[in-house]
Protein backbone atom coordinates (compact mmCIF):
# COMPACT_ATOMS: atom_id res chain seq x y z
CA MET A 1 -0.20 56.97 -48.16
CA THR A 2 3.23 55.76 -47.27
CA ALA A 3 3.44 52.21 -45.86
CA LEU A 4 4.87 51.89 -42.38
CA THR A 5 8.20 50.26 -41.99
CA THR A 6 8.57 47.18 -39.81
CA THR A 7 10.12 49.18 -36.99
CA GLU A 8 7.35 51.79 -37.07
CA ALA A 9 4.64 49.08 -37.08
CA ALA A 10 6.16 47.39 -34.06
CA ALA A 11 6.34 50.69 -32.19
CA ALA A 12 2.67 51.44 -32.98
CA ALA A 13 1.58 48.01 -31.83
CA ALA A 14 3.46 48.46 -28.57
CA ALA A 15 1.82 51.86 -28.01
CA ASP A 16 -1.65 50.36 -28.65
CA GLY A 17 -0.86 47.55 -26.23
CA ASP A 18 -0.03 50.06 -23.52
CA ARG A 19 -3.52 51.59 -23.90
CA LEU A 20 -5.34 48.24 -23.68
CA PRO A 21 -6.85 47.25 -20.30
CA PRO A 22 -5.03 44.53 -18.40
CA PRO A 23 -6.19 41.03 -19.25
CA GLY A 24 -8.81 39.51 -16.94
CA PRO A 25 -8.61 36.11 -15.26
CA ASP A 26 -8.38 33.16 -17.58
CA PRO A 27 -11.60 31.15 -17.28
CA ASP A 28 -9.72 27.99 -18.19
CA ALA A 29 -7.05 28.51 -15.55
CA VAL A 30 -6.65 25.65 -13.04
CA PRO A 31 -7.26 26.74 -9.41
CA SER A 32 -4.33 26.65 -7.05
CA PRO A 33 -3.80 23.40 -5.14
CA ARG A 34 -4.48 25.12 -1.82
CA GLY A 35 -7.79 26.53 -3.05
CA GLY A 36 -8.75 23.16 -4.53
CA ARG A 37 -8.03 21.34 -1.27
CA LEU A 38 -10.04 23.89 0.71
CA PHE A 39 -13.01 23.55 -1.65
CA GLU A 40 -12.79 19.77 -1.45
CA ALA A 41 -12.72 19.85 2.37
CA LEU A 42 -15.71 22.20 2.50
CA ARG A 43 -17.66 20.02 0.08
CA TRP A 44 -17.09 16.82 2.07
CA GLY A 45 -17.76 18.66 5.33
CA ALA A 46 -21.09 19.87 3.97
CA LEU A 47 -21.96 16.33 2.89
CA ARG A 48 -21.26 15.01 6.38
CA ALA A 49 -23.36 17.79 7.93
CA VAL A 50 -26.30 16.96 5.65
CA ALA A 51 -26.02 13.25 6.43
CA LEU A 52 -25.98 14.01 10.18
CA ALA A 53 -29.02 16.28 9.86
CA VAL A 54 -30.93 13.58 7.96
CA LEU A 55 -30.02 11.00 10.61
CA LEU A 56 -31.18 13.25 13.46
CA ALA A 57 -34.41 14.08 11.64
CA ALA A 58 -35.15 10.38 11.04
CA TRP A 59 -34.37 9.62 14.69
CA GLN A 60 -36.72 12.36 15.89
CA ALA A 61 -39.42 11.19 13.48
CA VAL A 62 -39.26 7.65 14.86
CA VAL A 63 -39.56 8.98 18.43
CA SER A 64 -42.46 11.29 17.51
CA ALA A 65 -44.29 8.41 15.80
CA GLU A 66 -43.92 6.40 19.03
CA VAL A 67 -42.77 3.32 17.16
CA TRP A 68 -41.08 2.17 20.38
CA PRO A 69 -41.55 3.32 23.99
CA ARG A 70 -39.59 6.41 24.97
CA VAL A 71 -37.65 4.43 27.58
CA LEU A 72 -36.23 2.24 24.79
CA VAL A 73 -35.62 4.91 22.14
CA PRO A 74 -35.15 8.37 23.68
CA SER A 75 -35.18 11.49 21.55
CA PRO A 76 -32.03 13.35 20.47
CA GLY A 77 -33.01 16.06 22.97
CA ASP A 78 -33.12 13.52 25.82
CA VAL A 79 -29.67 12.25 24.89
CA TRP A 80 -28.32 15.79 24.71
CA ARG A 81 -29.72 16.60 28.17
CA GLN A 82 -28.08 13.50 29.66
CA LEU A 83 -24.84 14.43 27.92
CA VAL A 84 -24.95 17.88 29.51
CA LEU A 85 -25.88 16.50 32.94
CA ALA A 86 -23.04 13.97 32.83
CA SER A 87 -20.59 16.71 31.85
CA THR A 88 -21.49 19.33 34.47
CA VAL A 89 -22.18 19.84 38.18
CA HIS A 90 -25.94 20.13 38.79
CA ASP A 91 -27.88 20.34 42.09
CA GLY A 92 -24.71 19.47 43.96
CA VAL A 93 -24.22 16.30 41.88
CA ARG A 94 -20.97 16.02 39.95
CA GLY A 95 -21.59 14.38 36.58
CA TYR A 96 -22.47 10.70 36.98
CA GLY A 97 -21.26 8.63 39.91
CA GLY A 98 -19.27 11.57 41.24
CA HIS A 99 -17.22 11.96 38.03
CA LEU A 100 -17.70 14.12 34.95
CA LEU A 101 -18.08 12.49 31.55
CA VAL A 102 -14.65 13.71 30.49
CA GLU A 103 -13.16 12.07 33.58
CA HIS A 104 -14.88 8.76 32.82
CA LEU A 105 -13.58 8.99 29.28
CA GLY A 106 -10.08 9.94 30.42
CA VAL A 107 -9.83 6.92 32.73
CA SER A 108 -10.93 4.60 29.93
CA LEU A 109 -8.48 6.16 27.48
CA GLY A 110 -5.72 5.70 30.05
CA ARG A 111 -6.57 2.01 30.32
CA ILE A 112 -6.70 1.67 26.55
CA GLY A 113 -3.35 3.43 26.18
CA THR A 114 -1.69 1.27 28.82
CA GLY A 115 -3.07 -1.96 27.41
CA SER A 116 -2.18 -1.02 23.83
CA ALA A 117 1.36 0.02 24.83
CA TYR A 118 2.00 -3.32 26.50
CA ALA A 119 0.52 -5.06 23.46
CA VAL A 120 2.93 -3.19 21.16
CA LEU A 121 5.93 -4.00 23.36
CA ALA A 122 5.05 -7.70 23.30
CA GLY A 123 3.36 -8.01 19.89
CA VAL A 124 6.06 -6.49 17.66
CA PRO A 125 8.91 -8.75 18.90
CA LEU A 126 6.54 -11.72 18.81
CA GLY A 127 5.58 -10.93 15.22
CA LEU A 128 9.23 -10.52 14.23
CA LEU A 129 10.03 -13.96 15.66
CA ILE A 130 7.04 -15.56 13.94
CA GLY A 131 7.93 -13.92 10.64
CA THR A 132 11.63 -14.81 10.63
CA VAL A 133 12.09 -18.04 12.63
CA ARG A 134 10.16 -20.90 11.06
CA PRO A 135 10.19 -23.31 14.08
CA LEU A 136 8.84 -20.58 16.35
CA ALA A 137 6.18 -19.71 13.78
CA VAL A 138 4.95 -23.31 13.80
CA VAL A 139 4.51 -23.15 17.59
CA LEU A 140 3.42 -19.54 18.20
CA GLU A 141 1.26 -18.65 15.20
CA PRO A 142 -1.62 -20.99 16.17
CA ALA A 143 -1.56 -19.51 19.69
CA VAL A 144 -1.87 -15.99 18.29
CA THR A 145 -4.75 -17.07 16.06
CA PHE A 146 -6.42 -18.76 19.02
CA LEU A 147 -6.26 -15.55 21.06
CA ARG A 148 -7.46 -13.46 18.12
CA THR A 149 -10.65 -15.50 17.80
CA LEU A 150 -11.59 -15.29 21.49
CA PRO A 151 -14.19 -12.66 22.51
CA PRO A 152 -13.05 -10.59 25.51
CA LEU A 153 -15.87 -11.74 27.77
CA ALA A 154 -14.71 -15.35 27.29
CA TYR A 155 -11.63 -14.84 29.44
CA LEU A 156 -12.66 -11.88 31.61
CA SER A 157 -14.00 -14.13 34.36
CA LEU A 158 -10.75 -16.07 34.43
CA LEU A 159 -8.74 -12.85 34.68
CA VAL A 160 -10.91 -11.70 37.59
CA ILE A 161 -10.25 -15.00 39.38
CA TRP A 162 -6.52 -14.59 38.83
CA PHE A 163 -6.07 -10.86 39.45
CA GLY A 164 -9.10 -9.69 41.45
CA ILE A 165 -11.40 -6.78 40.58
CA ASP A 166 -8.95 -3.86 40.55
CA GLU A 167 -7.06 -2.51 37.53
CA ALA A 168 -5.01 -5.62 36.67
CA PRO A 169 -7.76 -7.70 34.97
CA LYS A 170 -8.88 -4.71 32.90
CA ILE A 171 -5.36 -4.03 31.61
CA TRP A 172 -4.70 -7.72 30.95
CA LEU A 173 -7.94 -8.03 28.99
CA LEU A 174 -7.01 -5.08 26.77
CA VAL A 175 -3.49 -6.45 26.28
CA ILE A 176 -4.80 -9.86 25.22
CA ALA A 177 -7.34 -8.21 22.90
CA ALA A 178 -4.81 -5.86 21.25
CA LEU A 179 -1.76 -8.15 20.99
CA PRO A 180 -2.88 -10.60 18.25
CA PRO A 181 -3.53 -7.97 15.53
CA ILE A 182 -0.11 -6.42 16.11
CA ALA A 183 1.71 -9.76 16.09
CA ALA A 184 -0.16 -10.97 12.99
CA ALA A 185 0.45 -7.72 11.06
CA THR A 186 4.14 -7.70 12.00
CA ALA A 187 4.66 -11.33 10.99
CA ALA A 188 2.90 -10.83 7.65
CA ALA A 189 4.85 -7.63 6.94
CA VAL A 190 8.23 -9.21 7.71
CA ARG A 191 7.51 -12.13 5.39
CA THR A 192 6.76 -9.79 2.48
CA VAL A 193 10.01 -7.80 2.71
CA PRO A 194 11.56 -7.80 -0.82
CA GLY A 195 14.22 -10.47 -1.14
CA GLN A 196 16.51 -8.10 -3.07
CA LEU A 197 16.86 -5.87 0.01
CA VAL A 198 17.78 -8.81 2.20
CA GLU A 199 20.30 -10.20 -0.30
CA ALA A 200 21.86 -6.77 -0.80
CA ALA A 201 22.28 -6.34 2.95
CA ARG A 202 23.80 -9.79 3.25
CA ALA A 203 26.24 -9.00 0.44
CA LEU A 204 27.32 -5.94 2.42
CA GLY A 205 28.10 -8.14 5.42
CA SER A 206 24.98 -7.71 7.58
CA GLY A 207 24.35 -10.45 10.10
CA PRO A 208 20.93 -11.83 11.19
CA LEU A 209 20.39 -9.18 13.90
CA ALA A 210 21.47 -6.32 11.62
CA LEU A 211 19.18 -7.66 8.88
CA LEU A 212 16.28 -7.73 11.30
CA LEU A 213 16.79 -4.24 12.72
CA SER A 214 18.05 -2.34 9.67
CA VAL A 215 16.19 -4.02 6.80
CA ARG A 216 13.22 -6.13 7.83
CA LEU A 217 11.84 -3.90 10.58
CA PRO A 218 11.98 -0.56 8.65
CA SER A 219 10.52 -2.20 5.55
CA ALA A 220 7.67 -3.70 7.58
CA LEU A 221 6.99 -0.53 9.60
CA PRO A 222 3.99 0.73 7.54
CA GLU A 223 2.10 -2.54 8.00
CA ILE A 224 3.10 -2.69 11.67
CA LEU A 225 1.59 0.75 12.24
CA THR A 226 -1.57 -0.38 10.48
CA GLY A 227 -1.69 -3.33 12.88
CA VAL A 228 -1.28 -0.93 15.81
CA ARG A 229 -4.24 1.13 14.57
CA ILE A 230 -6.37 -2.00 14.32
CA ALA A 231 -5.22 -3.13 17.77
CA VAL A 232 -6.17 0.19 19.37
CA GLY A 233 -9.60 -0.11 17.77
CA VAL A 234 -9.99 -3.64 19.16
CA ALA A 235 -8.96 -2.39 22.61
CA TYR A 236 -11.50 0.41 22.31
CA THR A 237 -14.29 -2.03 21.49
CA SER A 238 -13.23 -4.19 24.45
CA VAL A 239 -13.17 -1.42 27.05
CA VAL A 240 -16.86 -1.82 27.93
CA ALA A 241 -16.25 -5.51 28.63
CA ALA A 242 -13.08 -4.67 30.58
CA GLU A 243 -14.99 -2.20 32.78
CA THR A 244 -17.90 -4.53 33.47
CA ILE A 245 -16.29 -5.36 36.83
CA ASN A 246 -15.68 -2.37 39.11
CA GLY A 247 -15.35 -0.05 36.12
CA VAL A 248 -16.44 3.29 37.60
CA PRO A 249 -14.84 5.71 36.91
CA GLY A 250 -14.68 4.70 33.28
CA ILE A 251 -16.91 5.24 30.27
CA GLY A 252 -17.66 1.53 29.94
CA GLY A 253 -18.47 1.28 33.64
CA MET A 254 -20.74 4.31 33.36
CA ILE A 255 -22.62 2.73 30.45
CA ARG A 256 -22.92 -0.57 32.29
CA ASP A 257 -24.23 1.15 35.42
CA ALA A 258 -26.74 3.23 33.46
CA GLN A 259 -27.98 0.09 31.70
CA ARG A 260 -28.86 -1.48 35.05
CA TYR A 261 -31.28 1.37 35.75
CA ASN A 262 -32.72 1.61 32.20
CA GLN A 263 -31.16 5.03 31.60
CA THR A 264 -31.15 4.55 27.85
CA ALA A 265 -30.40 8.18 27.04
CA LEU A 266 -27.26 8.08 29.17
CA VAL A 267 -26.21 4.80 27.58
CA ILE A 268 -26.51 6.38 24.12
CA ALA A 269 -24.63 9.47 25.32
CA GLY A 270 -21.78 7.24 26.51
CA ILE A 271 -21.75 5.36 23.22
CA LEU A 272 -21.53 8.66 21.32
CA ALA A 273 -18.65 9.77 23.57
CA ILE A 274 -16.77 6.54 22.84
CA GLY A 275 -17.38 6.82 19.09
CA LEU A 276 -16.38 10.46 18.77
CA SER A 277 -13.25 10.03 20.88
CA GLY A 278 -12.41 6.95 18.80
CA ILE A 279 -12.56 9.04 15.62
CA VAL A 280 -10.19 11.60 17.15
CA LEU A 281 -7.81 8.90 18.38
CA ASP A 282 -7.74 7.19 14.99
CA ALA A 283 -7.00 10.53 13.30
CA LEU A 284 -4.06 11.04 15.68
CA LEU A 285 -2.74 7.55 14.88
CA ARG A 286 -3.01 8.26 11.15
CA LEU A 287 -1.06 11.48 11.69
CA VAL A 288 1.67 9.53 13.50
CA GLU A 289 1.68 7.05 10.62
CA ARG A 290 2.13 9.82 8.05
CA ILE A 291 5.00 11.30 10.05
CA ALA A 292 6.73 7.97 10.77
CA VAL A 293 6.40 6.51 7.27
CA PRO A 294 6.07 9.43 4.85
CA TRP A 295 7.05 7.21 1.91
CA ARG A 296 3.95 5.03 2.21
CA GLY A 297 1.75 5.08 -0.88
CA ARG A 298 4.43 6.67 -3.04
CA ALA A 299 6.05 4.93 -5.96
């Protein structure tokens, strides 16, 4: 039998390869990044759902065992009914106190947004001064720390005496609560700006104002935004105190009013509304942070 030449062997191998079935998927292949992210999101979402189901089951078990009176610890079903009643028009009654739950929440969010905006407008320049001008830091930093340690209810009565019971004391309380975290974060961020950046800008002829606006402020922006997120959270936790006086409409005022009449289920429904809206608001702030400082966390 005559041996095949090299050319003939190659041609035969190619012909055999054409008759072979196409190769299947490689079991060792790494999944695409998009598929991996989707799987990861589904896995963590399932974990959260399981944790929530366990929490609700434990809550219902405590209520069924009558560990505490129903007026103190209502069931998840009672809370859900109050949530629905506060969100709809029923028997000619519009929500609670003449306002739907979403309206109460919207008024409170408006107050939080206004107070936080004023706090940003005042806190960022204040933090820049504290972080860059040593004499001002000696005078102003203790004042910021003093305000940061005060609970909101400590100065609410004074604000009511000064500004009455309308919107002004509520906004002022939220401003005073939100300003210290922003000022403290800004001052700390400005002080940690790399010295090489400052010296390089000075070598290029930048003056004090140009250094502040073009070097120190952009470099400190990630930490400033973190301070803003913390400040909004502080304002959110202070809104119930801010709406203690003449706070309806408002989610804090609704909770306070329901507490007076031992409507525990409605109080819990209001707390859940505050918490869930807080999660959404924090997610929006994190999105703004990712857009404004995309270089954060990258080498």
